[in-house]
Amino acid sequence: MANTSSRTLRLLSLLQTHRYWPGEELARRLEVSIRTLRRDVDRLRELGYPVQASRGVDGGYQLAPGAALPPLVLDDEEAVALAVGLQAAAQGAIAGIAESSVRALTKVVQVMPPKLRRRVEALRAMTVSPGWGDSALVAEPEALVAVAQACRDTERLEFSYTAANGERSERHVEPLRLVSLGRRWYLVAYDLGRHDWRSFRLDRLHAPRATGVRFRPRELPAEDAAAFVRAGLRGVPNSYTVEALVDAPESQVRAQIGRWAEVEEAGPNRSLVRMRTDSLDWPAMALGSLGADFSSVSPPELVEHLRDWSLRFGRAVAT
């Protein structure tokens, strides 16, 4: 049997995972008697956790929602997932933490301690997500949390940054927003060393640290943070400008993928779709999701990419 302290923590974790636990089932999970379970529940109440009990044949225990609960009991993986889960769990945007995101979110639905609520809210409020199906975003969760908090708190940030050519430099910035776009995370910030606005890929950003110095946000020279990042990507040499004609009305296409692609009317019940991306998988999935016929305009590589996909799908149907 586990010692009293570790068993109490285990009990708290179980109560935070499920809304309601029958008493006998909870005792079995902890491998203790009903009497010991009651004592452990009383110990949690003494620590400030509002554990409710119901009596009778179907009696059991549950945590009541509260505005001033002590911090949740989370393992290290769950703690990272909690900071980014509400923003990304539904899309699975942060690779490798899908299951831990679900566990943490289940707990947060019942109780939201202020310390962790602040981290989650920072990421939700300071992230612009114009994309659809961002299923392979690359970013360190710790970096996301640190940068999101600096954005929300208008606090200057320092970090090391590795450019596309491999050159590494130290940056001192005034962070504005996080943007998820094209399967990546970007920080939009005013670079105090370059005296200009910049977007930084988070997978190239290392050891972000808040300086404690607050600032008044400057005016961004773009419609919004997502538009600023898109404009910057147009100059990236190793990316594609995809254009396709879709046999569907512009309003219908815009409603489905207009948040991350440019959509124009190209005739009666026809639309021109344009997007910038570093992977052809991305536009192939988007165009296929429209449920309408389409033809590729550019680049030529997209035609070959779609042909390869069609052969693979054809083999899958034939087997």
C-alpha atoms as a PDB file:
ATOM      1  CA  MET A   1       0.000   0.000   0.000  1.00  0.00           C
ATOM      2  CA  ALA A   2       1.287   3.472  -0.827  1.00  0.00           C
ATOM      3  CA  ASN A   3       2.151   5.827   2.050  1.00  0.00           C
ATOM      4  CA  THR A   4      -0.449   8.333   3.191  1.00  0.00           C
ATOM      5  CA  SER A   5       0.969  11.368   1.331  1.00  0.00           C
ATOM      6  CA  SER A   6       1.379   9.662  -2.050  1.00  0.00           C
ATOM      7  CA  ARG A   7      -2.022   8.001  -1.689  1.00  0.00           C
ATOM      8  CA  THR A   8      -3.661  11.354  -0.979  1.00  0.00           C
ATOM      9  CA  LEU A   9      -2.093  12.827  -4.102  1.00  0.00           C
ATOM     10  CA  ARG A  10      -3.267   9.822  -6.095  1.00  0.00           C
ATOM     11  CA  LEU A  11      -6.793  10.319  -4.739  1.00  0.00           C
ATOM     12  CA  LEU A  12      -6.734  13.984  -5.710  1.00  0.00           C
ATOM     13  CA  SER A  13      -5.562  13.125  -9.228  1.00  0.00           C
ATOM     14  CA  LEU A  14      -8.383  10.609  -9.651  1.00  0.00           C
ATOM     15  CA  LEU A  15     -10.988  13.082  -8.405  1.00  0.00           C
ATOM     16  CA  GLN A  16      -9.738  15.671 -10.886  1.00  0.00           C
ATOM     17  CA  THR A  17      -9.910  13.194 -13.769  1.00  0.00           C
ATOM     18  CA  HIS A  18     -13.549  12.095 -13.379  1.00  0.00           C
ATOM     19  CA  ARG A  19     -16.530  14.182 -12.382  1.00  0.00           C
ATOM     20  CA  TYR A  20     -17.920  11.498 -10.066  1.00  0.00           C
ATOM     21  CA  TRP A  21     -16.445   8.366  -8.503  1.00  0.00           C
ATOM     22  CA  PRO A  22     -18.541   5.658  -6.764  1.00  0.00           C
ATOM     23  CA  GLY A  23     -16.985   5.077  -3.362  1.00  0.00           C
ATOM     24  CA  GLU A  24     -16.314   1.364  -3.810  1.00  0.00           C
ATOM     25  CA  GLU A  25     -14.688   1.846  -7.201  1.00  0.00           C
ATOM     26  CA  LEU A  26     -12.492   4.648  -5.886  1.00  0.00           C
ATOM     27  CA  ALA A  27     -11.387   2.508  -2.941  1.00  0.00           C
ATOM     28  CA  ARG A  28     -10.504  -0.341  -5.317  1.00  0.00           C
ATOM     29  CA  ARG A  29      -8.413   1.964  -7.487  1.00  0.00           C
ATOM     30  CA  LEU A  30      -6.486   3.115  -4.425  1.00  0.00           C
ATOM     31  CA  GLU A  31      -6.351  -0.416  -2.946  1.00  0.00           C
ATOM     32  CA  VAL A  32      -7.686   0.767   0.404  1.00  0.00           C
ATOM     33  CA  SER A  33     -10.750   0.136   2.561  1.00  0.00           C
ATOM     34  CA  ILE A  34     -13.807   2.398   2.539  1.00  0.00           C
ATOM     35  CA  ARG A  35     -12.844   3.622   6.016  1.00  0.00           C
ATOM     36  CA  THR A  36      -9.333   4.606   4.830  1.00  0.00           C
ATOM     37  CA  LEU A  37     -10.856   6.320   1.796  1.00  0.00           C
ATOM     38  CA  ARG A  38     -13.041   8.448   4.078  1.00  0.00           C
ATOM     39  CA  ARG A  39      -9.990   9.490   6.107  1.00  0.00           C
ATOM     40  CA  ASP A  40      -8.123  10.435   2.907  1.00  0.00           C
ATOM     41  CA  VAL A  41     -11.108  12.469   1.716  1.00  0.00           C
ATOM     42  CA  ASP A  42     -11.184  14.300   5.053  1.00  0.00           C
ATOM     43  CA  ARG A  43      -7.474  15.053   4.650  1.00  0.00           C
ATOM     44  CA  LEU A  44      -8.134  16.647   1.239  1.00  0.00           C
ATOM     45  CA  ARG A  45     -10.882  18.767   2.748  1.00  0.00           C
ATOM     46  CA  GLU A  46      -8.481  19.974   5.440  1.00  0.00           C
ATOM     47  CA  LEU A  47      -6.128  21.057   2.643  1.00  0.00           C
ATOM     48  CA  GLY A  48      -8.882  23.172   1.110  1.00  0.00           C
ATOM     49  CA  TYR A  49     -10.258  20.896  -1.615  1.00  0.00           C
ATOM     50  CA  PRO A  50     -14.102  20.905  -1.654  1.00  0.00           C
ATOM     51  CA  VAL A  51     -14.798  17.181  -1.971  1.00  0.00           C
ATOM     52  CA  GLN A  52     -18.521  16.432  -1.999  1.00  0.00           C
ATOM     53  CA  ALA A  53     -19.872  13.094  -0.795  1.00  0.00           C
ATOM     54  CA  SER A  54     -23.195  11.416  -1.497  1.00  0.00           C
ATOM     55  CA  ARG A  55     -24.474   8.682   0.788  1.00  0.00           C
ATOM     56  CA  GLY A  56     -26.472   5.560   0.068  1.00  0.00           C
ATOM     57  CA  VAL A  57     -25.993   2.445  -2.040  1.00  0.00           C
ATOM     58  CA  ASP A  58     -24.684   4.463  -4.974  1.00  0.00           C
ATOM     59  CA  GLY A  59     -22.727   6.858  -2.796  1.00  0.00           C
ATOM     60  CA  GLY A  60     -19.522   8.394  -4.010  1.00  0.00           C
ATOM     61  CA  TYR A  61     -17.278  11.443  -4.231  1.00  0.00           C
ATOM     62  CA  GLN A  62     -16.639  14.364  -6.527  1.00  0.00           C
ATOM     63  CA  LEU A  63     -14.754  17.651  -6.560  1.00  0.00           C
ATOM     64  CA  ALA A  64     -16.950  20.729  -6.486  1.00  0.00           C
ATOM     65  CA  PRO A  65     -16.063  23.675  -8.769  1.00  0.00           C
ATOM     66  CA  GLY A  66     -14.289  26.452  -6.915  1.00  0.00           C
ATOM     67  CA  ALA A  67     -12.760  29.845  -7.627  1.00  0.00           C
ATOM     68  CA  ALA A  68      -9.860  29.586  -5.199  1.00  0.00           C
ATOM     69  CA  LEU A  69      -8.649  26.003  -5.219  1.00  0.00           C
ATOM     70  CA  PRO A  70      -5.055  24.980  -4.549  1.00  0.00           C
ATOM     71  CA  PRO A  71      -3.097  24.045  -7.695  1.00  0.00           C
ATOM     72  CA  LEU A  72      -4.083  20.933  -9.611  1.00  0.00           C
ATOM     73  CA  VAL A  73      -2.020  17.789  -9.190  1.00  0.00           C
ATOM     74  CA  LEU A  74      -0.447  17.181 -12.606  1.00  0.00           C
ATOM     75  CA  ASP A  75       2.516  15.194 -13.796  1.00  0.00           C
ATOM     76  CA  ASP A  76       5.133  17.032 -15.857  1.00  0.00           C
ATOM     77  CA  GLU A  77       3.624  16.067 -19.200  1.00  0.00           C
ATOM     78  CA  GLU A  78       0.149  17.148 -18.138  1.00  0.00           C
ATOM     79  CA  ALA A  79       1.437  20.474 -16.831  1.00  0.00           C
ATOM     80  CA  VAL A  80       2.895  21.305 -20.248  1.00  0.00           C
ATOM     81  CA  ALA A  81      -0.249  20.071 -22.002  1.00  0.00           C
ATOM     82  CA  LEU A  82      -2.472  22.213 -19.782  1.00  0.00           C
ATOM     83  CA  ALA A  83      -0.701  25.402 -20.829  1.00  0.00           C
ATOM     84  CA  VAL A  84      -1.454  24.769 -24.504  1.00  0.00           C
ATOM     85  CA  GLY A  85      -4.324  22.280 -24.438  1.00  0.00           C
ATOM     86  CA  LEU A  86      -7.376  24.551 -24.640  1.00  0.00           C
ATOM     87  CA  GLN A  87      -5.922  26.250 -27.693  1.00  0.00           C
ATOM     88  CA  ALA A  88      -4.604  23.210 -29.539  1.00  0.00           C
ATOM     89  CA  ALA A  89      -5.998  19.904 -28.239  1.00  0.00           C
ATOM     90  CA  ALA A  90      -8.970  19.750 -30.602  1.00  0.00           C
ATOM     91  CA  GLN A  91      -6.669  20.080 -33.614  1.00  0.00           C
ATOM     92  CA  GLY A  92      -3.827  18.028 -32.130  1.00  0.00           C
ATOM     93  CA  ALA A  93      -1.586  20.921 -33.059  1.00  0.00           C
ATOM     94  CA  ILE A  94       1.275  20.180 -30.664  1.00  0.00           C
ATOM     95  CA  ALA A  95       2.825  16.867 -31.587  1.00  0.00           C
ATOM     96  CA  GLY A  96       3.192  14.231 -28.897  1.00  0.00           C
ATOM     97  CA  ILE A  97       0.852  15.521 -26.177  1.00  0.00           C
ATOM     98  CA  ALA A  98      -2.621  14.637 -27.495  1.00  0.00           C
ATOM     99  CA  GLU A  99      -3.462  12.135 -24.748  1.00  0.00           C
ATOM    100  CA  SER A 100      -2.067  14.286 -21.948  1.00  0.00           C
ATOM    101  CA  SER A 101      -4.052  17.263 -23.303  1.00  0.00           C
ATOM    102  CA  VAL A 102      -7.284  15.300 -22.988  1.00  0.00           C
ATOM    103  CA  ARG A 103      -6.461  14.249 -19.414  1.00  0.00           C
ATOM    104  CA  ALA A 104      -5.583  17.802 -18.380  1.00  0.00           C
ATOM    105  CA  LEU A 105      -8.607  19.349 -20.081  1.00  0.00           C
ATOM    106  CA  THR A 106     -10.925  16.918 -18.300  1.00  0.00           C
ATOM    107  CA  LYS A 107      -9.569  18.154 -15.001  1.00  0.00           C
ATOM    108  CA  VAL A 108      -9.738  21.817 -15.970  1.00  0.00           C
ATOM    109  CA  VAL A 109     -13.438  21.548 -16.862  1.00  0.00           C
ATOM    110  CA  GLN A 110     -14.144  20.832 -13.188  1.00  0.00           C
ATOM    111  CA  VAL A 111     -11.657  23.098 -11.447  1.00  0.00           C
ATOM    112  CA  MET A 112      -9.419  25.879 -12.736  1.00  0.00           C
ATOM    113  CA  PRO A 113      -6.798  27.104 -10.225  1.00  0.00           C
ATOM    114  CA  PRO A 114      -5.838  30.749 -10.843  1.00  0.00           C
ATOM    115  CA  LYS A 115      -2.150  29.984 -11.426  1.00  0.00           C
ATOM    116  CA  LEU A 116      -2.839  27.589 -14.294  1.00  0.00           C
ATOM    117  CA  ARG A 117      -5.853  29.526 -15.553  1.00  0.00           C
ATOM    118  CA  ARG A 118      -3.524  32.490 -16.144  1.00  0.00           C
ATOM    119  CA  ARG A 119      -1.212  30.414 -18.345  1.00  0.00           C
ATOM    120  CA  VAL A 120      -4.012  28.894 -20.398  1.00  0.00           C
ATOM    121  CA  GLU A 121      -5.763  32.238 -20.806  1.00  0.00           C
ATOM    122  CA  ALA A 122      -2.518  33.872 -21.917  1.00  0.00           C
ATOM    123  CA  LEU A 123      -2.096  31.395 -24.742  1.00  0.00           C
ATOM    124  CA  ARG A 124      -5.766  31.584 -25.774  1.00  0.00           C
ATOM    125  CA  ALA A 125      -5.888  35.368 -25.781  1.00  0.00           C
ATOM    126  CA  MET A 126      -2.496  35.984 -27.366  1.00  0.00           C
ATOM    127  CA  THR A 127      -2.706  33.442 -30.213  1.00  0.00           C
ATOM    128  CA  VAL A 128      -4.108  34.186 -33.668  1.00  0.00           C
ATOM    129  CA  SER A 129      -5.110  30.972 -35.423  1.00  0.00           C
ATOM    130  CA  PRO A 130      -6.134  31.560 -39.042  1.00  0.00           C
ATOM    131  CA  GLY A 131      -5.496  27.987 -40.077  1.00  0.00           C
ATOM    132  CA  TRP A 132      -7.479  24.851 -40.590  1.00  0.00           C
ATOM    133  CA  GLY A 133      -6.310  21.374 -39.636  1.00  0.00           C
ATOM    134  CA  ASP A 134      -2.911  22.452 -38.293  1.00  0.00           C
ATOM    135  CA  SER A 135      -1.978  18.858 -37.523  1.00  0.00           C
ATOM    136  CA  ALA A 136       1.793  19.017 -37.348  1.00  0.00           C
ATOM    137  CA  LEU A 137       2.795  22.283 -35.776  1.00  0.00           C
ATOM    138  CA  VAL A 138       6.353  22.218 -34.499  1.00  0.00           C
ATOM    139  CA  ALA A 139       7.045  24.093 -31.264  1.00  0.00           C
ATOM    140  CA  GLU A 140       8.379  23.511 -27.774  1.00  0.00           C
ATOM    141  CA  PRO A 141       5.423  23.762 -25.366  1.00  0.00           C
ATOM    142  CA  GLU A 142       7.612  25.514 -22.785  1.00  0.00           C
ATOM    143  CA  ALA A 143       8.516  28.181 -25.348  1.00  0.00           C
ATOM    144  CA  LEU A 144       4.860  28.643 -26.288  1.00  0.00           C
ATOM    145  CA  VAL A 145       3.918  29.241 -22.663  1.00  0.00           C
ATOM    146  CA  ALA A 146       6.766  31.677 -21.987  1.00  0.00           C
ATOM    147  CA  VAL A 147       6.146  33.682 -25.168  1.00  0.00           C
ATOM    148  CA  ALA A 148       2.366  33.747 -24.703  1.00  0.00           C
ATOM    149  CA  GLN A 149       2.695  35.116 -21.194  1.00  0.00           C
ATOM    150  CA  ALA A 150       5.120  37.823 -22.357  1.00  0.00           C
ATOM    151  CA  CYS A 151       2.645  38.812 -25.103  1.00  0.00           C
ATOM    152  CA  ARG A 152      -0.237  39.058 -22.684  1.00  0.00           C
ATOM    153  CA  ASP A 153       1.736  40.923 -20.041  1.00  0.00           C
ATOM    154  CA  THR A 154       3.355  43.317 -22.584  1.00  0.00           C
ATOM    155  CA  GLU A 155       6.741  42.355 -21.176  1.00  0.00           C
ATOM    156  CA  ARG A 156       9.962  42.544 -23.146  1.00  0.00           C
ATOM    157  CA  LEU A 157      11.453  39.202 -24.128  1.00  0.00           C
ATOM    158  CA  GLU A 158      14.963  37.928 -24.786  1.00  0.00           C
ATOM    159  CA  PHE A 159      15.888  34.734 -26.630  1.00  0.00           C
ATOM    160  CA  SER A 160      18.418  33.120 -28.952  1.00  0.00           C
ATOM    161  CA  TYR A 161      17.336  32.754 -32.555  1.00  0.00           C
ATOM    162  CA  THR A 162      18.702  30.580 -35.360  1.00  0.00           C
ATOM    163  CA  ALA A 163      18.127  32.024 -38.829  1.00  0.00           C
ATOM    164  CA  ALA A 164      17.461  29.947 -41.947  1.00  0.00           C
ATOM    165  CA  ASN A 165      21.171  30.115 -42.865  1.00  0.00           C
ATOM    166  CA  GLY A 166      22.143  28.680 -39.478  1.00  0.00           C
ATOM    167  CA  GLU A 167      23.374  31.972 -38.030  1.00  0.00           C
ATOM    168  CA  ARG A 168      22.526  32.335 -34.355  1.00  0.00           C
ATOM    169  CA  SER A 169      21.887  35.675 -32.650  1.00  0.00           C
ATOM    170  CA  GLU A 170      20.523  37.092 -29.417  1.00  0.00           C
ATOM    171  CA  ARG A 171      17.253  39.021 -29.785  1.00  0.00           C
ATOM    172  CA  HIS A 172      15.565  41.568 -27.529  1.00  0.00           C
ATOM    173  CA  VAL A 173      11.951  42.166 -28.578  1.00  0.00           C
ATOM    174  CA  GLU A 174       8.568  43.563 -27.653  1.00  0.00           C
ATOM    175  CA  PRO A 175       6.246  40.589 -28.295  1.00  0.00           C
ATOM    176  CA  LEU A 176       2.795  41.217 -29.773  1.00  0.00           C
ATOM    177  CA  ARG A 177       1.089  37.963 -30.829  1.00  0.00           C
ATOM    178  CA  LEU A 178       1.564  34.281 -31.512  1.00  0.00           C
ATOM    179  CA  VAL A 179       0.336  33.065 -34.903  1.00  0.00           C
ATOM    180  CA  SER A 180      -0.234  29.456 -35.968  1.00  0.00           C
ATOM    181  CA  LEU A 181       0.064  29.224 -39.743  1.00  0.00           C
ATOM    182  CA  GLY A 182       1.109  26.610 -42.272  1.00  0.00           C
ATOM    183  CA  ARG A 183       1.819  23.980 -39.618  1.00  0.00           C
ATOM    184  CA  ARG A 184       4.138  26.278 -37.667  1.00  0.00           C
ATOM    185  CA  TRP A 185       4.040  28.766 -34.798  1.00  0.00           C
ATOM    186  CA  TYR A 186       5.337  32.310 -35.267  1.00  0.00           C
ATOM    187  CA  LEU A 187       5.977  35.155 -32.854  1.00  0.00           C
ATOM    188  CA  VAL A 188       5.233  38.630 -34.196  1.00  0.00           C
ATOM    189  CA  ALA A 189       7.335  41.180 -32.303  1.00  0.00           C
ATOM    190  CA  TYR A 190       9.139  44.494 -32.572  1.00  0.00           C
ATOM    191  CA  ASP A 191      12.881  43.768 -32.666  1.00  0.00           C
ATOM    192  CA  LEU A 192      14.624  46.397 -30.529  1.00  0.00           C
ATOM    193  CA  GLY A 193      18.022  45.566 -32.011  1.00  0.00           C
ATOM    194  CA  ARG A 194      16.864  45.833 -35.654  1.00  0.00           C
ATOM    195  CA  HIS A 195      14.401  48.670 -34.935  1.00  0.00           C
ATOM    196  CA  ASP A 196      11.697  46.990 -37.009  1.00  0.00           C
ATOM    197  CA  TRP A 197       8.908  44.424 -36.867  1.00  0.00           C
ATOM    198  CA  ARG A 198       9.845  40.771 -37.321  1.00  0.00           C
ATOM    199  CA  SER A 199       8.215  37.356 -37.268  1.00  0.00           C
ATOM    200  CA  PHE A 200      10.116  34.515 -35.590  1.00  0.00           C
ATOM    201  CA  ARG A 201       9.535  30.797 -36.064  1.00  0.00           C
ATOM    202  CA  LEU A 202       9.185  29.245 -32.630  1.00  0.00           C
ATOM    203  CA  ASP A 203      11.006  26.072 -33.625  1.00  0.00           C
ATOM    204  CA  ARG A 204      14.087  28.282 -34.191  1.00  0.00           C
ATOM    205  CA  LEU A 205      13.640  30.237 -30.977  1.00  0.00           C
ATOM    206  CA  HIS A 206      15.610  29.077 -27.917  1.00  0.00           C
ATOM    207  CA  ALA A 207      15.421  29.815 -24.185  1.00  0.00           C
ATOM    208  CA  PRO A 208      12.878  32.673 -24.183  1.00  0.00           C
ATOM    209  CA  ARG A 209      13.075  34.692 -20.975  1.00  0.00           C
ATOM    210  CA  ALA A 210      10.978  37.638 -19.810  1.00  0.00           C
ATOM    211  CA  THR A 211      13.007  40.660 -18.698  1.00  0.00           C
ATOM    212  CA  GLY A 212      10.450  42.150 -16.317  1.00  0.00           C
ATOM    213  CA  VAL A 213      10.384  45.385 -18.355  1.00  0.00           C
ATOM    214  CA  ARG A 214       6.907  46.423 -19.481  1.00  0.00           C
ATOM    215  CA  PHE A 215       6.215  48.358 -22.691  1.00  0.00           C
ATOM    216  CA  ARG A 216       3.442  50.159 -24.531  1.00  0.00           C
ATOM    217  CA  PRO A 217       2.516  48.158 -27.692  1.00  0.00           C
ATOM    218  CA  ARG A 218       3.466  49.795 -30.996  1.00  0.00           C
ATOM    219  CA  GLU A 219       1.205  49.912 -34.035  1.00  0.00           C
ATOM    220  CA  LEU A 220       1.729  46.906 -36.294  1.00  0.00           C
ATOM    221  CA  PRO A 221       2.157  47.855 -40.003  1.00  0.00           C
ATOM    222  CA  ALA A 222      -0.360  45.233 -41.154  1.00  0.00           C
ATOM    223  CA  GLU A 223      -4.038  44.398 -40.869  1.00  0.00           C
ATOM    224  CA  ASP A 224      -3.277  41.907 -38.109  1.00  0.00           C
ATOM    225  CA  ALA A 225      -0.522  39.567 -36.916  1.00  0.00           C
ATOM    226  CA  ALA A 226      -1.558  36.736 -39.244  1.00  0.00           C
ATOM    227  CA  ALA A 227      -1.450  39.046 -42.269  1.00  0.00           C
ATOM    228  CA  PHE A 228       2.013  40.231 -41.219  1.00  0.00           C
ATOM    229  CA  VAL A 229       3.315  36.645 -41.110  1.00  0.00           C
ATOM    230  CA  ARG A 230       1.707  35.804 -44.467  1.00  0.00           C
ATOM    231  CA  ALA A 231       3.360  38.826 -46.067  1.00  0.00           C
ATOM    232  CA  GLY A 232       6.729  37.720 -44.753  1.00  0.00           C
ATOM    233  CA  LEU A 233       6.318  34.197 -46.056  1.00  0.00           C
ATOM    234  CA  ARG A 234       5.868  35.477 -49.613  1.00  0.00           C
ATOM    235  CA  GLY A 235       9.575  36.228 -49.655  1.00  0.00           C
ATOM    236  CA  VAL A 236      10.660  32.792 -48.440  1.00  0.00           C
ATOM    237  CA  PRO A 237      12.425  31.017 -51.355  1.00  0.00           C
ATOM    238  CA  ASN A 238      11.658  27.438 -50.318  1.00  0.00           C
ATOM    239  CA  SER A 239       7.882  27.784 -50.243  1.00  0.00           C
ATOM    240  CA  TYR A 240       5.093  27.419 -52.801  1.00  0.00           C
ATOM    241  CA  THR A 241       2.432  29.760 -54.089  1.00  0.00           C
ATOM    242  CA  VAL A 242      -0.449  27.430 -54.852  1.00  0.00           C
ATOM    243  CA  GLU A 243      -3.316  28.426 -57.150  1.00  0.00           C
ATOM    244  CA  ALA A 244      -6.294  26.246 -58.028  1.00  0.00           C
ATOM    245  CA  LEU A 245      -9.674  26.711 -59.709  1.00  0.00           C
ATOM    246  CA  VAL A 246     -12.533  25.161 -57.760  1.00  0.00           C
ATOM    247  CA  ASP A 247     -15.946  24.347 -59.215  1.00  0.00           C
ATOM    248  CA  ALA A 248     -17.881  25.853 -56.317  1.00  0.00           C
ATOM    249  CA  PRO A 249     -19.201  29.332 -55.416  1.00  0.00           C
ATOM    250  CA  GLU A 250     -16.773  31.746 -53.830  1.00  0.00           C
ATOM    251  CA  SER A 251     -18.938  32.096 -50.706  1.00  0.00           C
ATOM    252  CA  GLN A 252     -18.975  28.336 -50.154  1.00  0.00           C
ATOM    253  CA  VAL A 253     -15.211  27.957 -50.580  1.00  0.00           C
ATOM    254  CA  ARG A 254     -14.476  30.981 -48.405  1.00  0.00           C
ATOM    255  CA  ALA A 255     -16.686  29.610 -45.628  1.00  0.00           C
ATOM    256  CA  GLN A 256     -14.698  26.360 -45.561  1.00  0.00           C
ATOM    257  CA  ILE A 257     -11.079  27.448 -46.033  1.00  0.00           C
ATOM    258  CA  GLY A 258     -11.152  31.239 -46.285  1.00  0.00           C
ATOM    259  CA  ARG A 259      -9.546  31.719 -42.883  1.00  0.00           C
ATOM    260  CA  TRP A 260      -6.174  30.627 -44.223  1.00  0.00           C
ATOM    261  CA  ALA A 261      -6.426  30.924 -48.026  1.00  0.00           C
ATOM    262  CA  GLU A 262      -7.234  33.782 -50.388  1.00  0.00           C
ATOM    263  CA  VAL A 263     -10.460  33.075 -52.288  1.00  0.00           C
ATOM    264  CA  GLU A 264     -11.714  35.059 -55.297  1.00  0.00           C
ATOM    265  CA  GLU A 265     -14.677  34.674 -57.617  1.00  0.00           C
ATOM    266  CA  ALA A 266     -13.558  33.249 -60.975  1.00  0.00           C
ATOM    267  CA  GLY A 267     -16.905  33.051 -62.734  1.00  0.00           C
ATOM    268  CA  PRO A 268     -20.378  31.632 -62.106  1.00  0.00           C
ATOM    269  CA  ASN A 269     -20.046  28.930 -59.423  1.00  0.00           C
ATOM    270  CA  ARG A 270     -16.268  28.982 -59.742  1.00  0.00           C
ATOM    271  CA  SER A 271     -13.526  30.183 -57.405  1.00  0.00           C
ATOM    272  CA  LEU A 272      -9.807  30.875 -57.501  1.00  0.00           C
ATOM    273  CA  VAL A 273      -7.955  29.689 -54.405  1.00  0.00           C
ATOM    274  CA  ARG A 274      -4.472  31.000 -53.615  1.00  0.00           C
ATOM    275  CA  MET A 275      -2.242  30.075 -50.671  1.00  0.00           C
ATOM    276  CA  ARG A 276       1.398  30.189 -49.609  1.00  0.00           C
ATOM    277  CA  THR A 277       2.866  27.103 -47.969  1.00  0.00           C
ATOM    278  CA  ASP A 278       6.077  25.179 -47.427  1.00  0.00           C
ATOM    279  CA  SER A 279       4.364  21.808 -47.907  1.00  0.00           C
ATOM    280  CA  LEU A 280       2.142  20.587 -50.747  1.00  0.00           C
ATOM    281  CA  ASP A 281       0.359  18.183 -48.399  1.00  0.00           C
ATOM    282  CA  TRP A 282      -1.345  21.185 -46.826  1.00  0.00           C
ATOM    283  CA  PRO A 283      -3.145  22.537 -49.954  1.00  0.00           C
ATOM    284  CA  ALA A 284      -3.873  19.008 -51.187  1.00  0.00           C
ATOM    285  CA  MET A 285      -5.806  18.256 -47.988  1.00  0.00           C
ATOM    286  CA  ALA A 286      -7.599  21.595 -48.084  1.00  0.00           C
ATOM    287  CA  LEU A 287      -8.680  21.316 -51.720  1.00  0.00           C
ATOM    288  CA  GLY A 288      -9.757  17.716 -51.223  1.00  0.00           C
ATOM    289  CA  SER A 289     -11.890  18.703 -48.239  1.00  0.00           C
ATOM    290  CA  LEU A 290     -14.058  21.043 -50.339  1.00  0.00           C
ATOM    291  CA  GLY A 291     -16.062  18.217 -51.887  1.00  0.00           C
ATOM    292  CA  ALA A 292     -15.895  19.851 -55.312  1.00  0.00           C
ATOM    293  CA  ASP A 293     -13.924  19.309 -58.527  1.00  0.00           C
ATOM    294  CA  PHE A 294     -10.852  21.497 -58.948  1.00  0.00           C
ATOM    295  CA  SER A 295      -7.918  21.983 -61.290  1.00  0.00           C
ATOM    296  CA  SER A 296      -4.374  22.976 -60.396  1.00  0.00           C
ATOM    297  CA  VAL A 297      -3.058  26.232 -61.872  1.00  0.00           C
ATOM    298  CA  SER A 298       0.338  26.345 -60.150  1.00  0.00           C
ATOM    299  CA  PRO A 299       2.910  25.249 -59.252  1.00  0.00           C
ATOM    300  CA  PRO A 300       3.684  22.279 -61.565  1.00  0.00           C
ATOM    301  CA  GLU A 301       4.857  20.313 -58.514  1.00  0.00           C
ATOM    302  CA  LEU A 302       1.300  20.276 -57.173  1.00  0.00           C
ATOM    303  CA  VAL A 303       0.093  18.273 -60.191  1.00  0.00           C
ATOM    304  CA  GLU A 304       2.732  15.611 -59.542  1.00  0.00           C
ATOM    305  CA  HIS A 305       1.919  15.648 -55.849  1.00  0.00           C
ATOM    306  CA  LEU A 306      -1.787  15.135 -56.494  1.00  0.00           C
ATOM    307  CA  ARG A 307      -1.029  12.382 -59.015  1.00  0.00           C
ATOM    308  CA  ASP A 308       1.036  10.564 -56.398  1.00  0.00           C
ATOM    309  CA  TRP A 309      -1.774  10.902 -53.872  1.00  0.00           C
ATOM    310  CA  SER A 310      -4.370   9.635 -56.357  1.00  0.00           C
ATOM    311  CA  LEU A 311      -2.283   6.545 -57.109  1.00  0.00           C
ATOM    312  CA  ARG A 312      -1.943   5.761 -53.426  1.00  0.00           C
ATOM    313  CA  PHE A 313      -5.648   6.280 -52.791  1.00  0.00           C
ATOM    314  CA  GLY A 314      -6.428   4.134 -55.838  1.00  0.00           C
ATOM    315  CA  ARG A 315      -4.319   1.292 -54.464  1.00  0.00           C
ATOM    316  CA  ALA A 316      -6.040   1.611 -51.117  1.00  0.00           C
ATOM    317  CA  VAL A 317      -9.469   1.232 -52.752  1.00  0.00           C
ATOM    318  CA  ALA A 318      -8.313  -1.698 -54.887  1.00  0.00           C
ATOM    319  CA  THR A 319      -7.039  -3.772 -51.973  1.00  0.00           C
END
